[in-house]
PDB file of N, CA and C in Angstrom:
ATOM      1  N   MET A   1     119.829  85.064 130.449  1.00  0.00           N
ATOM      2  CA  MET A   1     120.391  84.098 129.153  1.00  0.00           C
ATOM      3  C   MET A   1     119.827  85.752 128.176  1.00  0.00           C
ATOM      4  N   THR A   2     121.314  86.038 127.576  1.00  0.00           N
ATOM      5  CA  THR A   2     121.229  86.774 126.411  1.00  0.00           C
ATOM      6  C   THR A   2     120.921  86.500 125.148  1.00  0.00           C
ATOM      7  N   THR A   3     120.980  87.372 124.170  1.00  0.00           N
ATOM      8  CA  THR A   3     120.627  87.240 123.089  1.00  0.00           C
ATOM      9  C   THR A   3     121.827  87.789 122.088  1.00  0.00           C
ATOM     10  N   SER A   4     122.277  87.502 121.329  1.00  0.00           N
ATOM     11  CA  SER A   4     123.380  87.792 120.114  1.00  0.00           C
ATOM     12  C   SER A   4     122.531  89.021 119.056  1.00  0.00           C
ATOM     13  N   SER A   5     123.196  89.724 118.607  1.00  0.00           N
ATOM     14  CA  SER A   5     123.062  90.703 117.847  1.00  0.00           C
ATOM     15  C   SER A   5     122.333  89.954 116.518  1.00  0.00           C
ATOM     16  N   SER A   6     122.756  88.902 116.202  1.00  0.00           N
ATOM     17  CA  SER A   6     122.255  88.459 114.726  1.00  0.00           C
ATOM     18  C   SER A   6     120.685  87.542 115.032  1.00  0.00           C
ATOM     19  N   GLU A   7     120.597  87.270 116.432  1.00  0.00           N
ATOM     20  CA  GLU A   7     119.280  86.813 116.774  1.00  0.00           C
ATOM     21  C   GLU A   7     118.198  88.168 116.792  1.00  0.00           C
ATOM     22  N   VAL A   8     118.893  89.453 117.248  1.00  0.00           N
ATOM     23  CA  VAL A   8     117.773  90.400 117.371  1.00  0.00           C
ATOM     24  C   VAL A   8     117.533  90.826 115.678  1.00  0.00           C
ATOM     25  N   THR A   9     119.056  91.225 115.034  1.00  0.00           N
ATOM     26  CA  THR A   9     118.519  91.364 113.504  1.00  0.00           C
ATOM     27  C   THR A   9     117.578  90.428 113.055  1.00  0.00           C
ATOM     28  N   GLU A  10     117.487  89.181 113.264  1.00  0.00           N
ATOM     29  CA  GLU A  10     116.747  87.685 112.609  1.00  0.00           C
ATOM     30  C   GLU A  10     115.193  87.979 113.083  1.00  0.00           C
ATOM     31  N   LYS A  11     114.919  89.052 113.949  1.00  0.00           N
ATOM     32  CA  LYS A  11     113.504  88.814 114.323  1.00  0.00           C
ATOM     33  C   LYS A  11     112.281  88.933 113.420  1.00  0.00           C
ATOM     34  N   ALA A  12     111.306  88.491 113.573  1.00  0.00           N
ATOM     35  CA  ALA A  12     110.631  88.453 112.199  1.00  0.00           C
ATOM     36  C   ALA A  12     109.724  89.807 112.987  1.00  0.00           C
ATOM     37  N   THR A  13     109.688  90.915 111.995  1.00  0.00           N
ATOM     38  CA  THR A  13     108.872  91.911 112.842  1.00  0.00           C
ATOM     39  C   THR A  13     107.293  92.081 112.226  1.00  0.00           C
ATOM     40  N   PHE A  14     106.306  92.887 112.378  1.00  0.00           N
ATOM     41  CA  PHE A  14     105.361  92.909 111.523  1.00  0.00           C
ATOM     42  C   PHE A  14     105.464  93.403 110.178  1.00  0.00           C
ATOM     43  N   PHE A  15     105.878  94.050 109.729  1.00  0.00           N
ATOM     44  CA  PHE A  15     106.247  94.064 108.238  1.00  0.00           C
ATOM     45  C   PHE A  15     106.855  93.278 107.630  1.00  0.00           C
ATOM     46  N   ARG A  16     107.960  92.275 108.033  1.00  0.00           N
ATOM     47  CA  ARG A  16     108.281  91.040 107.317  1.00  0.00           C
ATOM     48  C   ARG A  16     106.949  90.250 107.517  1.00  0.00           C
ATOM     49  N   ASN A  17     106.223  89.870 108.643  1.00  0.00           N
ATOM     50  CA  ASN A  17     105.282  89.214 108.659  1.00  0.00           C
ATOM     51  C   ASN A  17     104.278  89.789 107.338  1.00  0.00           C
ATOM     52  N   ALA A  18     103.835  90.846 107.359  1.00  0.00           N
ATOM     53  CA  ALA A  18     102.902  91.328 106.462  1.00  0.00           C
ATOM     54  C   ALA A  18     103.257  90.997 104.991  1.00  0.00           C
ATOM     55  N   ALA A  19     104.636  91.108 104.739  1.00  0.00           N
ATOM     56  CA  ALA A  19     105.105  90.693 103.412  1.00  0.00           C
ATOM     57  C   ALA A  19     104.479  89.444 103.145  1.00  0.00           C
ATOM     58  N   LYS A  20     105.396  88.228 104.101  1.00  0.00           N
ATOM     59  CA  LYS A  20     105.133  87.182 103.598  1.00  0.00           C
ATOM     60  C   LYS A  20     103.603  86.739 103.547  1.00  0.00           C
ATOM     61  N   TYR A  21     102.527  87.237 104.463  1.00  0.00           N
ATOM     62  CA  TYR A  21     101.589  86.868 104.501  1.00  0.00           C
ATOM     63  C   TYR A  21     101.047  87.661 102.651  1.00  0.00           C
ATOM     64  N   SER A  22     101.493  88.718 102.501  1.00  0.00           N
ATOM     65  CA  SER A  22     101.257  89.463 100.991  1.00  0.00           C
ATOM     66  C   SER A  22     101.505  88.090  99.899  1.00  0.00           C
ATOM     67  N   LEU A  23     102.675  87.782 100.368  1.00  0.00           N
ATOM     68  CA  LEU A  23     103.366  86.403  99.231  1.00  0.00           C
ATOM     69  C   LEU A  23     102.445  85.493  99.206  1.00  0.00           C
ATOM     70  N   PHE A  24     101.913  84.512 100.462  1.00  0.00           N
ATOM     71  CA  PHE A  24     101.206  83.432 100.382  1.00  0.00           C
ATOM     72  C   PHE A  24      99.914  83.352 100.591  1.00  0.00           C
ATOM     73  N   ALA A  25      99.405  84.670 100.957  1.00  0.00           N
ATOM     74  CA  ALA A  25      97.790  85.298 100.535  1.00  0.00           C
ATOM     75  C   ALA A  25      97.283  83.931  99.178  1.00  0.00           C
ATOM     76  N   PRO A  26      97.560  84.363  97.878  1.00  0.00           N
ATOM     77  CA  PRO A  26      97.370  83.806  96.672  1.00  0.00           C
ATOM     78  C   PRO A  26      97.183  81.877  97.074  1.00  0.00           C
ATOM     79  N   LEU A  27      98.264  81.669  97.381  1.00  0.00           N
ATOM     80  CA  LEU A  27      98.280  80.085  97.827  1.00  0.00           C
ATOM     81  C   LEU A  27      97.336  79.700  98.644  1.00  0.00           C
ATOM     82  N   ILE A  28      96.994  80.789  99.769  1.00  0.00           N
ATOM     83  CA  ILE A  28      96.101  80.030 100.926  1.00  0.00           C
ATOM     84  C   ILE A  28      94.962  80.444 100.001  1.00  0.00           C
ATOM     85  N   VAL A  29      94.640  81.278  99.275  1.00  0.00           N
ATOM     86  CA  VAL A  29      93.253  81.232  98.723  1.00  0.00           C
ATOM     87  C   VAL A  29      92.719  80.165  97.895  1.00  0.00           C
ATOM     88  N   PHE A  30      93.572  79.640  96.823  1.00  0.00           N
ATOM     89  CA  PHE A  30      94.261  78.673  96.287  1.00  0.00           C
ATOM     90  C   PHE A  30      93.482  77.171  97.071  1.00  0.00           C
ATOM     91  N   GLY A  31      94.280  76.760  97.934  1.00  0.00           N
ATOM     92  CA  GLY A  31      94.149  76.177  99.148  1.00  0.00           C
ATOM     93  C   GLY A  31      92.957  75.833  99.532  1.00  0.00           C
ATOM     94  N   LEU A  32      92.305  76.407 100.230  1.00  0.00           N
ATOM     95  CA  LEU A  32      91.014  76.831 100.317  1.00  0.00           C
ATOM     96  C   LEU A  32      89.802  76.497  99.549  1.00  0.00           C
ATOM     97  N   GLY A  33      89.819  77.225  98.371  1.00  0.00           N
ATOM     98  CA  GLY A  33      88.974  76.897  97.395  1.00  0.00           C
ATOM     99  C   GLY A  33      89.088  75.400  97.236  1.00  0.00           C
ATOM    100  N   ILE A  34      90.437  74.916  96.667  1.00  0.00           N
ATOM    101  CA  ILE A  34      90.259  73.398  96.266  1.00  0.00           C
ATOM    102  C   ILE A  34      89.911  72.694  97.499  1.00  0.00           C
ATOM    103  N   VAL A  35      90.324  72.481  98.487  1.00  0.00           N
ATOM    104  CA  VAL A  35      89.857  71.844  99.630  1.00  0.00           C
ATOM    105  C   VAL A  35      88.385  71.851  99.925  1.00  0.00           C
ATOM    106  N   LEU A  36      88.277  73.170 100.080  1.00  0.00           N
ATOM    107  CA  LEU A  36      86.448  73.201 100.458  1.00  0.00           C
ATOM    108  C   LEU A  36      85.576  72.748  99.008  1.00  0.00           C
ATOM    109  N   ASP A  37      85.736  73.078  97.997  1.00  0.00           N
ATOM    110  CA  ASP A  37      85.138  72.478  96.795  1.00  0.00           C
ATOM    111  C   ASP A  37      84.922  71.343  96.592  1.00  0.00           C
ATOM    112  N   GLN A  38      86.176  70.776  96.640  1.00  0.00           N
ATOM    113  CA  GLN A  38      85.766  69.347  96.523  1.00  0.00           C
ATOM    114  C   GLN A  38      85.438  68.411  97.874  1.00  0.00           C
ATOM    115  N   GLY A  39      85.718  68.758  99.056  1.00  0.00           N
ATOM    116  CA  GLY A  39      85.102  68.302 100.289  1.00  0.00           C
ATOM    117  C   GLY A  39      83.544  68.676 100.288  1.00  0.00           C
ATOM    118  N   VAL A  40      83.198  69.929  99.989  1.00  0.00           N
ATOM    119  CA  VAL A  40      81.603  69.815  99.859  1.00  0.00           C
ATOM    120  C   VAL A  40      80.641  69.230  98.465  1.00  0.00           C
ATOM    121  N   LYS A  41      81.234  69.679  97.501  1.00  0.00           N
ATOM    122  CA  LYS A  41      80.727  69.609  96.440  1.00  0.00           C
ATOM    123  C   LYS A  41      79.888  68.334  96.112  1.00  0.00           C
ATOM    124  N   PRO A  42      80.566  67.076  96.621  1.00  0.00           N
ATOM    125  CA  PRO A  42      79.984  66.094  96.227  1.00  0.00           C
ATOM    126  C   PRO A  42      78.689  65.716  97.360  1.00  0.00           C
ATOM    127  N   SER A  43      78.611  66.132  98.637  1.00  0.00           N
ATOM    128  CA  SER A  43      77.888  65.768  99.353  1.00  0.00           C
ATOM    129  C   SER A  43      76.616  66.596  99.558  1.00  0.00           C
ATOM    130  N   VAL A  44      76.568  67.720  98.448  1.00  0.00           N
ATOM    131  CA  VAL A  44      75.455  68.906  98.953  1.00  0.00           C
ATOM    132  C   VAL A  44      74.506  69.159  97.434  1.00  0.00           C
ATOM    133  N   ASP A  45      73.527  69.361  97.454  1.00  0.00           N
ATOM    134  CA  ASP A  45      72.545  69.788  96.635  1.00  0.00           C
ATOM    135  C   ASP A  45      72.814  71.062  95.563  1.00  0.00           C
ATOM    136  N   PRO A  46      72.745  71.298  94.729  1.00  0.00           N
ATOM    137  CA  PRO A  46      73.062  72.420  93.820  1.00  0.00           C
ATOM    138  C   PRO A  46      72.512  73.612  94.374  1.00  0.00           C
ATOM    139  N   SER A  47      71.417  73.817  94.479  1.00  0.00           N
ATOM    140  CA  SER A  47      71.165  75.063  95.185  1.00  0.00           C
ATOM    141  C   SER A  47      71.949  75.654  96.526  1.00  0.00           C
ATOM    142  N   THR A  48      72.142  74.326  97.599  1.00  0.00           N
ATOM    143  CA  THR A  48      73.162  74.768  98.523  1.00  0.00           C
ATOM    144  C   THR A  48      74.274  74.992  98.267  1.00  0.00           C
ATOM    145  N   TYR A  49      75.159  74.370  97.090  1.00  0.00           N
ATOM    146  CA  TYR A  49      76.160  74.398  96.714  1.00  0.00           C
ATOM    147  C   TYR A  49      76.593  75.760  96.215  1.00  0.00           C
ATOM    148  N   ARG A  50      75.696  75.927  95.252  1.00  0.00           N
ATOM    149  CA  ARG A  50      75.768  77.688  94.617  1.00  0.00           C
ATOM    150  C   ARG A  50      76.009  78.454  95.999  1.00  0.00           C
ATOM    151  N   MET A  51      75.069  78.659  97.067  1.00  0.00           N
ATOM    152  CA  MET A  51      75.399  79.570  98.198  1.00  0.00           C
ATOM    153  C   MET A  51      77.018  79.606  98.612  1.00  0.00           C
ATOM    154  N   PHE A  52      77.177  77.935  98.787  1.00  0.00           N
ATOM    155  CA  PHE A  52      78.583  77.854  99.750  1.00  0.00           C
ATOM    156  C   PHE A  52      79.339  78.293  98.758  1.00  0.00           C
ATOM    157  N   ALA A  53      79.766  77.710  97.118  1.00  0.00           N
ATOM    158  CA  ALA A  53      80.465  78.757  96.387  1.00  0.00           C
ATOM    159  C   ALA A  53      80.633  80.262  96.375  1.00  0.00           C
ATOM    160  N   ILE A  54      79.452  80.999  96.241  1.00  0.00           N
ATOM    161  CA  ILE A  54      79.245  82.381  96.461  1.00  0.00           C
ATOM    162  C   ILE A  54      80.064  82.567  97.983  1.00  0.00           C
ATOM    163  N   GLY A  55      80.233  82.262  99.209  1.00  0.00           N
ATOM    164  CA  GLY A  55      80.391  81.916 100.583  1.00  0.00           C
ATOM    165  C   GLY A  55      82.006  82.231  99.974  1.00  0.00           C
ATOM    166  N   ILE A  56      82.724  81.083  99.274  1.00  0.00           N
ATOM    167  CA  ILE A  56      83.719  80.821  99.292  1.00  0.00           C
ATOM    168  C   ILE A  56      84.592  81.896  98.416  1.00  0.00           C
ATOM    169  N   GLY A  57      83.610  82.294  97.569  1.00  0.00           N
ATOM    170  CA  GLY A  57      84.400  83.326  96.615  1.00  0.00           C
ATOM    171  C   GLY A  57      84.690  84.820  97.172  1.00  0.00           C
ATOM    172  N   ILE A  58      83.447  85.522  98.061  1.00  0.00           N
ATOM    173  CA  ILE A  58      83.505  86.422  98.976  1.00  0.00           C
ATOM    174  C   ILE A  58      84.449  86.138  99.729  1.00  0.00           C
ATOM    175  N   THR A  59      84.458  85.061 100.449  1.00  0.00           N
ATOM    176  CA  THR A  59      85.900  84.793 101.441  1.00  0.00           C
ATOM    177  C   THR A  59      87.118  84.979 100.943  1.00  0.00           C
ATOM    178  N   ASN A  60      87.344  84.152  99.706  1.00  0.00           N
ATOM    179  CA  ASN A  60      88.774  84.610  98.763  1.00  0.00           C
ATOM    180  C   ASN A  60      89.328  85.780  98.516  1.00  0.00           C
ATOM    181  N   LEU A  61      88.181  86.478  98.209  1.00  0.00           N
ATOM    182  CA  LEU A  61      88.195  87.645  97.618  1.00  0.00           C
ATOM    183  C   LEU A  61      88.561  88.364  98.873  1.00  0.00           C
ATOM    184  N   ILE A  62      88.199  88.774  99.843  1.00  0.00           N
ATOM    185  CA  ILE A  62      88.669  88.899 101.263  1.00  0.00           C
ATOM    186  C   ILE A  62      90.437  88.792 101.727  1.00  0.00           C
ATOM    187  N   LEU A  63      90.362  87.501 101.151  1.00  0.00           N
ATOM    188  CA  LEU A  63      91.843  87.371 101.714  1.00  0.00           C
ATOM    189  C   LEU A  63      92.530  87.965 100.884  1.00  0.00           C
ATOM    190  N   LEU A  64      92.378  88.041  99.282  1.00  0.00           N
ATOM    191  CA  LEU A  64      93.246  88.236  98.365  1.00  0.00           C
ATOM    192  C   LEU A  64      93.415  89.994  98.521  1.00  0.00           C
ATOM    193  N   LEU A  65      92.558  90.498  99.377  1.00  0.00           N
ATOM    194  CA  LEU A  65      92.452  92.091  99.463  1.00  0.00           C
ATOM    195  C   LEU A  65      93.415  92.181 100.824  1.00  0.00           C
ATOM    196  N   PHE A  66      92.966  91.630 101.861  1.00  0.00           N
ATOM    197  CA  PHE A  66      94.030  91.796 103.012  1.00  0.00           C
ATOM    198  C   PHE A  66      95.359  91.636 102.537  1.00  0.00           C
ATOM    199  N   GLY A  67      95.832  90.536 101.837  1.00  0.00           N
ATOM    200  CA  GLY A  67      97.019  90.589 101.082  1.00  0.00           C
ATOM    201  C   GLY A  67      97.669  91.191 100.099  1.00  0.00           C
ATOM    202  N   PHE A  68      97.017  92.212  99.801  1.00  0.00           N
ATOM    203  CA  PHE A  68      97.107  93.227  98.775  1.00  0.00           C
ATOM    204  C   PHE A  68      97.734  94.591  99.973  1.00  0.00           C
ATOM    205  N   MET A  69      96.573  94.839 100.812  1.00  0.00           N
ATOM    206  CA  MET A  69      96.703  95.705 101.736  1.00  0.00           C
ATOM    207  C   MET A  69      98.496  95.391 102.573  1.00  0.00           C
ATOM    208  N   SER A  70      98.196  94.061 102.741  1.00  0.00           N
ATOM    209  CA  SER A  70      99.897  93.711 103.577  1.00  0.00           C
ATOM    210  C   SER A  70     100.708  93.950 102.947  1.00  0.00           C
ATOM    211  N   GLY A  71     100.985  93.945 101.790  1.00  0.00           N
ATOM    212  CA  GLY A  71     101.894  94.346 100.803  1.00  0.00           C
ATOM    213  C   GLY A  71     102.300  95.857 100.806  1.00  0.00           C
ATOM    214  N   ILE A  72     101.326  96.583 101.138  1.00  0.00           N
ATOM    215  CA  ILE A  72     101.483  97.968 100.803  1.00  0.00           C
ATOM    216  C   ILE A  72     101.957  98.208 102.292  1.00  0.00           C
ATOM    217  N   VAL A  73     101.186  97.640 103.236  1.00  0.00           N
ATOM    218  CA  VAL A  73     101.541  98.122 104.969  1.00  0.00           C
ATOM    219  C   VAL A  73     103.099  97.552 105.133  1.00  0.00           C
ATOM    220  N   ALA A  74     103.982  96.437 104.240  1.00  0.00           N
ATOM    221  CA  ALA A  74     104.954  95.738 104.500  1.00  0.00           C
ATOM    222  C   ALA A  74     106.002  96.749 103.688  1.00  0.00           C
ATOM    223  N   LEU A  75     105.394  97.562 102.530  1.00  0.00           N
ATOM    224  CA  LEU A  75     106.592  98.191 101.761  1.00  0.00           C
ATOM    225  C   LEU A  75     106.766  99.465 102.530  1.00  0.00           C
ATOM    226  N   CYS A  76     106.063  99.868 103.286  1.00  0.00           N
ATOM    227  CA  CYS A  76     106.104 101.252 104.306  1.00  0.00           C
ATOM    228  C   CYS A  76     107.085 100.800 105.058  1.00  0.00           C
ATOM    229  N   GLY A  77     106.946  99.629 105.482  1.00  0.00           N
ATOM    230  CA  GLY A  77     108.356  99.403 106.845  1.00  0.00           C
ATOM    231  C   GLY A  77     109.836  99.476 106.508  1.00  0.00           C
ATOM    232  N   ILE A  78     109.926  99.586 105.053  1.00  0.00           N
ATOM    233  CA  ILE A  78     110.948  99.112 104.632  1.00  0.00           C
ATOM    234  C   ILE A  78     112.053 100.214 105.371  1.00  0.00           C
ATOM    235  N   LYS A  79     111.646 101.417 104.963  1.00  0.00           N
ATOM    236  CA  LYS A  79     112.529 102.744 105.672  1.00  0.00           C
ATOM    237  C   LYS A  79     113.235 102.388 107.280  1.00  0.00           C
ATOM    238  N   LYS A  80     112.344 101.529 107.879  1.00  0.00           N
ATOM    239  CA  LYS A  80     112.962 101.350 109.432  1.00  0.00           C
ATOM    240  C   LYS A  80     113.542  99.955 109.672  1.00  0.00           C
ATOM    241  N   TYR A  81     113.414  99.198 108.789  1.00  0.00           N
ATOM    242  CA  TYR A  81     113.412  97.581 109.016  1.00  0.00           C
ATOM    243  C   TYR A  81     114.491  97.378 107.713  1.00  0.00           C
ATOM    244  N   GLY A  82     114.625  98.180 107.405  1.00  0.00           N
ATOM    245  CA  GLY A  82     115.614  97.685 106.199  1.00  0.00           C
ATOM    246  C   GLY A  82     114.601  96.899 104.629  1.00  0.00           C
ATOM    247  N   LYS A  83     115.599  96.462 103.406  1.00  0.00           N
ATOM    248  CA  LYS A  83     114.875  95.816 102.776  1.00  0.00           C
ATOM    249  C   LYS A  83     114.859  94.307 102.530  1.00  0.00           C
ATOM    250  N   GLU A  84     115.527  94.081 103.791  1.00  0.00           N
ATOM    251  CA  GLU A  84     115.937  92.099 103.587  1.00  0.00           C
ATOM    252  C   GLU A  84     114.605  91.787 104.071  1.00  0.00           C
ATOM    253  N   LYS A  85     114.146  90.687 103.187  1.00  0.00           N
ATOM    254  CA  LYS A  85     113.145  90.079 103.572  1.00  0.00           C
ATOM    255  C   LYS A  85     111.346  90.961 103.450  1.00  0.00           C
ATOM    256  N   ILE A  86     111.919  91.766 103.186  1.00  0.00           N
ATOM    257  CA  ILE A  86     110.438  92.502 102.824  1.00  0.00           C
ATOM    258  C   ILE A  86     110.283  93.090 101.399  1.00  0.00           C
ATOM    259  N   LEU A  87     111.252  93.740 100.936  1.00  0.00           N
ATOM    260  CA  LEU A  87     110.998  94.039  99.879  1.00  0.00           C
ATOM    261  C   LEU A  87     110.571  93.133  98.530  1.00  0.00           C
ATOM    262  N   TRP A  88     111.262  92.043  98.115  1.00  0.00           N
ATOM    263  CA  TRP A  88     111.001  91.094  97.455  1.00  0.00           C
ATOM    264  C   TRP A  88     109.626  90.610  97.454  1.00  0.00           C
ATOM    265  N   ARG A  89     109.333  90.208  98.445  1.00  0.00           N
ATOM    266  CA  ARG A  89     108.047  89.486  99.329  1.00  0.00           C
ATOM    267  C   ARG A  89     106.747  90.559  99.264  1.00  0.00           C
ATOM    268  N   GLY A  90     107.316  91.679  99.542  1.00  0.00           N
ATOM    269  CA  GLY A  90     105.941  93.038  99.346  1.00  0.00           C
ATOM    270  C   GLY A  90     105.608  93.042  98.088  1.00  0.00           C
ATOM    271  N   ILE A  91     106.511  93.025  97.193  1.00  0.00           N
ATOM    272  CA  ILE A  91     106.166  93.415  95.630  1.00  0.00           C
ATOM    273  C   ILE A  91     105.707  92.392  95.028  1.00  0.00           C
ATOM    274  N   ALA A  92     106.472  91.362  95.472  1.00  0.00           N
ATOM    275  CA  ALA A  92     105.547  90.015  94.567  1.00  0.00           C
ATOM    276  C   ALA A  92     104.069  89.857  95.034  1.00  0.00           C
ATOM    277  N   GLY A  93     103.912  89.723  96.462  1.00  0.00           N
ATOM    278  CA  GLY A  93     102.439  89.855  97.156  1.00  0.00           C
ATOM    279  C   GLY A  93     101.668  90.607  96.245  1.00  0.00           C
ATOM    280  N   LEU A  94     102.163  92.076  96.500  1.00  0.00           N
ATOM    281  CA  LEU A  94     101.262  93.293  95.441  1.00  0.00           C
ATOM    282  C   LEU A  94     100.811  92.887  94.768  1.00  0.00           C
ATOM    283  N   LEU A  95     101.987  92.245  93.514  1.00  0.00           N
ATOM    284  CA  LEU A  95     101.755  92.279  92.212  1.00  0.00           C
ATOM    285  C   LEU A  95     100.639  90.904  91.720  1.00  0.00           C
ATOM    286  N   ILE A  96     101.006  89.925  92.533  1.00  0.00           N
ATOM    287  CA  ILE A  96      99.953  88.498  92.372  1.00  0.00           C
ATOM    288  C   ILE A  96      98.460  88.981  93.299  1.00  0.00           C
ATOM    289  N   CYS A  97      98.453  89.286  94.225  1.00  0.00           N
ATOM    290  CA  CYS A  97      97.279  89.775  94.381  1.00  0.00           C
ATOM    291  C   CYS A  97      96.623  90.684  93.751  1.00  0.00           C
ATOM    292  N   GLY A  98      97.241  92.021  93.561  1.00  0.00           N
ATOM    293  CA  GLY A  98      96.480  92.945  92.668  1.00  0.00           C
ATOM    294  C   GLY A  98      96.106  92.288  91.021  1.00  0.00           C
ATOM    295  N   PHE A  99      96.917  91.017  90.946  1.00  0.00           N
ATOM    296  CA  PHE A  99      96.555  90.652  89.384  1.00  0.00           C
ATOM    297  C   PHE A  99      95.104  90.144  89.606  1.00  0.00           C
ATOM    298  N   PHE A 100      95.174  88.666  90.427  1.00  0.00           N
ATOM    299  CA  PHE A 100      93.750  88.117  90.906  1.00  0.00           C
ATOM    300  C   PHE A 100      92.789  89.146  91.466  1.00  0.00           C
ATOM    301  N   LEU A 101      92.925  90.111  92.271  1.00  0.00           N
ATOM    302  CA  LEU A 101      91.986  91.195  92.637  1.00  0.00           C
ATOM    303  C   LEU A 101      91.543  91.579  91.419  1.00  0.00           C
ATOM    304  N   SER A 102      92.303  92.124  90.340  1.00  0.00           N
ATOM    305  CA  SER A 102      91.705  92.985  89.538  1.00  0.00           C
ATOM    306  C   SER A 102      90.701  91.958  88.220  1.00  0.00           C
ATOM    307  N   ALA A 103      91.315  90.671  88.039  1.00  0.00           N
ATOM    308  CA  ALA A 103      90.850  89.749  87.262  1.00  0.00           C
ATOM    309  C   ALA A 103      89.435  89.091  87.919  1.00  0.00           C
ATOM    310  N   ALA A 104      89.443  89.341  88.885  1.00  0.00           N
ATOM    311  CA  ALA A 104      88.212  88.999  89.930  1.00  0.00           C
ATOM    312  C   ALA A 104      87.131  90.240  89.654  1.00  0.00           C
ATOM    313  N   LEU A 105      87.444  91.238  89.661  1.00  0.00           N
ATOM    314  CA  LEU A 105      86.569  92.318  89.133  1.00  0.00           C
ATOM    315  C   LEU A 105      86.077  92.910  88.120  1.00  0.00           C
ATOM    316  N   LEU A 106      86.644  91.958  87.191  1.00  0.00           N
ATOM    317  CA  LEU A 106      86.446  91.911  85.850  1.00  0.00           C
ATOM    318  C   LEU A 106      85.302  90.661  85.820  1.00  0.00           C
ATOM    319  N   ILE A 107      85.588  89.776  86.064  1.00  0.00           N
ATOM    320  CA  ILE A 107      84.915  88.715  86.111  1.00  0.00           C
ATOM    321  C   ILE A 107      83.505  88.880  86.314  1.00  0.00           C
ATOM    322  N   ILE A 108      83.521  89.342  87.617  1.00  0.00           N
ATOM    323  CA  ILE A 108      82.110  89.307  88.539  1.00  0.00           C
ATOM    324  C   ILE A 108      80.960  90.388  87.533  1.00  0.00           C
ATOM    325  N   PRO A 109      81.094  91.332  86.811  1.00  0.00           N
ATOM    326  CA  PRO A 109      80.336  91.950  86.668  1.00  0.00           C
ATOM    327  C   PRO A 109      79.419  91.082  84.938  1.00  0.00           C
ATOM    328  N   VAL A 110      80.364  89.514  84.650  1.00  0.00           N
ATOM    329  CA  VAL A 110      80.018  88.963  83.841  1.00  0.00           C
ATOM    330  C   VAL A 110      79.546  87.831  84.286  1.00  0.00           C
ATOM    331  N   ILE A 111      79.505  87.269  85.111  1.00  0.00           N
ATOM    332  CA  ILE A 111      79.352  86.494  86.205  1.00  0.00           C
ATOM    333  C   ILE A 111      77.453  87.017  86.820  1.00  0.00           C
ATOM    334  N   LEU A 112      77.551  88.196  86.809  1.00  0.00           N
ATOM    335  CA  LEU A 112      76.122  88.595  87.287  1.00  0.00           C
ATOM    336  C   LEU A 112      75.587  88.742  85.949  1.00  0.00           C
ATOM    337  N   HIS A 113      76.112  89.148  85.147  1.00  0.00           N
ATOM    338  CA  HIS A 113      74.966  89.239  84.063  1.00  0.00           C
ATOM    339  C   HIS A 113      74.638  88.445  83.193  1.00  0.00           C
ATOM    340  N   SER A 114      75.577  86.802  83.052  1.00  0.00           N
ATOM    341  CA  SER A 114      75.084  85.412  82.888  1.00  0.00           C
ATOM    342  C   SER A 114      74.176  84.820  83.704  1.00  0.00           C
ATOM    343  N   ALA A 115      73.961  85.136  85.290  1.00  0.00           N
ATOM    344  CA  ALA A 115      73.411  84.928  86.139  1.00  0.00           C
ATOM    345  C   ALA A 115      72.141  85.053  85.495  1.00  0.00           C
ATOM    346  N   THR A 116      71.585  86.168  85.360  1.00  0.00           N
ATOM    347  CA  THR A 116      70.342  87.267  85.265  1.00  0.00           C
ATOM    348  C   THR A 116      69.826  86.713  83.972  1.00  0.00           C
ATOM    349  N   LYS A 117      70.288  86.409  82.930  1.00  0.00           N
ATOM    350  CA  LYS A 117      69.993  85.474  82.021  1.00  0.00           C
ATOM    351  C   LYS A 117      69.072  84.152  82.207  1.00  0.00           C
TER     352      LYS A 117
END
C-alpha cells in the first residue's frame, strides 16, 4: 500500500500536536474545573472540599504551564515543518495560556493573604 504525497504532508507531527494542545489546554482546564467542581461540591463537607479545590487548582496550573511550554516547543518546529497548522495555534495557545498563568500568579498571593486572616 502506497501513500500519496498529500497524506505525508498532512501527517500530524509532534510540533503540530504541541500547538494543538497549547491551544486547547485552557479549554481542558475549564472543562475539568467545571465538571469536577459541580460533581464533587454537593457531596462532600466543606473542609474536604477545600482540599479538593486546592488539588484542582494545582492540576489546572500544571496543565496551563504544560500548554504554555507546548506553545513554545511548537513554535520551535516552524523552521523544519512550516507555518501551516503550527503558527496560529502555537501563538494563540501561548497567549491564552500565558494570560491565564499570569492572572493565576497575580491572584495566588491575594488568596493566601486573605486565607491567613
